[in-house]
Amino acid sequence: MSYDLKPRNKNIEEISINAFRWPIILQETGMGYLLGYGRDIQPSKYIYLPRKKASPVSNDGFKVSSFEAKAMAQITRGYISVKKLINKQYESMTEIEKNEILSAKYYGEKGLVQNLYEHPVDESFIKSLEIFADFAEKSQGFEIH
């Protein structure tokens, strides 16, 4: 299952984003806030501001404006630059330092175990974000299906 992003600009093709990546992208980058979307108090639930009874994470035709799409592209590019620097720092570490980064945890909100340090991200994830940023920048807005 995926989220198909259909651009208003007919000169570019639609793209698909994996169903397990799209909500994470919206949450982790903060792009969801542009669309009025975020996590709820209850686990596995979310809050969104409905537009014509559509949700940005329900494949039901939610419309993203041109302004929002351009802002999403900017946020994504900033997120990518930070993640690339984290990956570069991680690669320069010794194996002992890498293991420390990956294993260091703390008990966060409601006793949930959280990572103490930022972890490197897979290059395929970064590539998918670069594709999204290019798409969003040129899309003139899009619909989520």
Protein backbone atom coordinates (compact mmCIF):
# COMPACT_ATOMS: atom_id res chain seq x y z
CA MET A 1 0.00 0.00 0.00
CA SER A 2 1.19 3.49 -0.75
CA TYR A 3 0.19 7.13 -0.82
CA ASP A 4 -0.14 8.39 -4.38
CA LEU A 5 0.58 12.11 -4.63
CA LYS A 6 -1.13 13.61 -7.68
CA PRO A 7 0.23 17.03 -8.72
CA ARG A 8 -1.83 19.92 -10.03
CA ASN A 9 1.02 20.64 -12.44
CA LYS A 10 0.29 18.29 -15.34
CA ASN A 11 3.90 18.58 -16.59
CA ILE A 12 5.21 16.33 -13.82
CA GLU A 13 4.28 12.78 -12.90
CA GLU A 14 2.64 11.66 -9.70
CA ILE A 15 4.75 9.85 -7.15
CA SER A 16 4.01 7.15 -4.62
CA ILE A 17 5.33 7.01 -1.09
CA ASN A 18 5.33 3.87 1.02
CA ALA A 19 2.43 3.72 3.47
CA PHE A 20 4.81 3.15 6.37
CA ARG A 21 6.98 6.15 5.44
CA TRP A 22 4.44 8.91 4.74
CA PRO A 23 3.05 9.32 8.29
CA ILE A 24 6.60 9.09 9.68
CA ILE A 25 7.76 11.79 7.27
CA LEU A 26 4.87 14.04 8.32
CA GLN A 27 5.49 13.46 12.03
CA GLU A 28 9.28 13.44 12.24
CA THR A 29 9.90 16.43 9.97
CA GLY A 30 7.00 18.45 11.37
CA MET A 31 5.49 18.82 7.88
CA GLY A 32 2.25 17.46 9.27
CA TYR A 33 1.76 20.68 11.22
CA LEU A 34 1.45 22.58 7.93
CA LEU A 35 -1.54 20.37 7.16
CA GLY A 36 -3.00 20.43 10.67
CA TYR A 37 -1.89 16.85 11.33
CA GLY A 38 -0.18 15.37 14.39
CA ARG A 39 -0.17 12.60 16.96
CA ASP A 40 -3.07 12.24 19.37
CA ILE A 41 -2.98 11.52 23.10
CA GLN A 42 -4.08 7.96 22.37
CA PRO A 43 -1.57 5.53 20.78
CA SER A 44 -1.97 4.88 17.04
CA LYS A 45 -4.41 7.79 16.67
CA TYR A 46 -3.88 11.18 15.14
CA ILE A 47 -5.44 14.61 14.96
CA TYR A 48 -6.12 16.38 11.69
CA LEU A 49 -8.05 19.38 10.49
CA PRO A 50 -10.49 17.95 7.96
CA ARG A 51 -10.76 19.51 4.55
CA LYS A 52 -13.81 18.22 2.73
CA LYS A 53 -13.79 15.23 5.11
CA ALA A 54 -10.30 14.19 3.97
CA SER A 55 -7.19 13.36 5.97
CA PRO A 56 -3.52 13.68 4.95
CA VAL A 57 -2.95 10.07 6.05
CA SER A 58 -6.06 8.31 4.77
CA ASN A 59 -5.59 8.17 0.96
CA ASP A 60 -8.90 9.96 0.51
CA GLY A 61 -8.10 12.95 -1.69
CA PHE A 62 -6.70 15.41 0.86
CA LYS A 63 -5.63 18.56 -1.01
CA VAL A 64 -2.28 20.22 -0.33
CA SER A 65 -2.06 23.82 -1.55
CA SER A 66 0.81 25.16 -3.63
CA PHE A 67 2.01 27.22 -0.65
CA GLU A 68 1.95 24.16 1.63
CA ALA A 69 3.72 22.00 -0.97
CA LYS A 70 6.54 24.56 -1.32
CA ALA A 71 6.87 24.82 2.46
CA MET A 72 6.96 21.02 2.69
CA ALA A 73 9.77 20.96 0.11
CA GLN A 74 11.79 23.47 2.17
CA ILE A 75 11.27 21.55 5.41
CA THR A 76 12.21 18.30 3.67
CA ARG A 77 15.41 19.76 2.27
CA GLY A 78 16.41 21.01 5.74
CA TYR A 79 15.63 17.62 7.25
CA ILE A 80 17.71 15.92 4.54
CA SER A 81 20.71 18.17 5.20
CA VAL A 82 20.61 17.42 8.94
CA LYS A 83 20.25 13.66 8.37
CA LYS A 84 23.14 13.65 5.89
CA LEU A 85 25.36 15.38 8.46
CA ILE A 86 24.33 12.86 11.12
CA ASN A 87 25.18 10.01 8.72
CA LYS A 88 28.55 11.62 7.95
CA GLN A 89 29.36 12.00 11.66
CA TYR A 90 28.32 8.41 12.32
CA GLU A 91 30.53 7.09 9.52
CA SER A 92 33.57 8.83 10.99
CA MET A 93 33.12 7.10 14.38
CA THR A 94 34.85 3.99 15.66
CA GLU A 95 32.83 0.80 16.07
CA ILE A 96 32.79 1.30 19.84
CA GLU A 97 31.36 4.82 19.44
CA LYS A 98 28.79 3.55 16.92
CA ASN A 99 27.63 0.84 19.32
CA GLU A 100 27.32 3.38 22.12
CA ILE A 101 25.17 5.64 19.93
CA LEU A 102 22.90 2.78 18.86
CA SER A 103 22.48 1.26 22.31
CA ALA A 104 22.08 4.35 24.51
CA LYS A 105 18.44 4.61 25.67
CA TYR A 106 16.42 6.44 28.25
CA TYR A 107 12.93 6.12 29.66
CA GLY A 108 10.87 8.84 28.09
CA GLU A 109 7.24 9.79 28.18
CA LYS A 110 5.04 7.19 29.91
CA GLY A 111 8.08 4.99 30.57
CA LEU A 112 8.67 4.26 26.89
CA VAL A 113 12.26 3.51 25.97
CA GLN A 114 13.65 6.14 23.60
CA ASN A 115 16.94 6.56 21.78
CA LEU A 116 19.28 8.92 23.58
CA TYR A 117 21.08 9.92 20.37
CA GLU A 118 19.94 10.56 16.83
CA HIS A 119 20.55 7.52 14.67
CA PRO A 120 21.78 7.50 11.11
CA VAL A 121 19.13 6.91 8.45
CA ASP A 122 19.20 4.66 5.43
CA GLU A 123 20.29 6.30 2.18
CA SER A 124 17.19 4.95 0.42
CA PHE A 125 15.06 6.94 2.87
CA ILE A 126 17.04 10.09 2.09
CA LYS A 127 16.65 9.42 -1.65
CA SER A 128 12.88 9.06 -1.28
CA LEU A 129 12.80 12.39 0.57
CA GLU A 130 14.81 14.07 -2.19
CA ILE A 131 12.32 12.78 -4.75
CA PHE A 132 9.45 14.09 -2.62
CA ALA A 133 11.09 17.53 -2.18
CA ASP A 134 11.60 17.89 -5.95
CA PHE A 135 8.01 16.78 -6.55
CA ALA A 136 6.52 19.12 -3.92
CA GLU A 137 8.50 22.09 -5.22
CA LYS A 138 7.22 21.62 -8.80
CA SER A 139 3.75 20.24 -8.07
CA GLN A 140 1.78 23.50 -7.66
CA GLY A 141 -0.01 21.58 -4.89
CA PHE A 142 -1.17 18.00 -4.88
CA GLU A 143 -3.83 15.55 -3.75
CA ILE A 144 -3.14 12.52 -1.58
CA HIS A 145 -4.77 9.27 -2.75
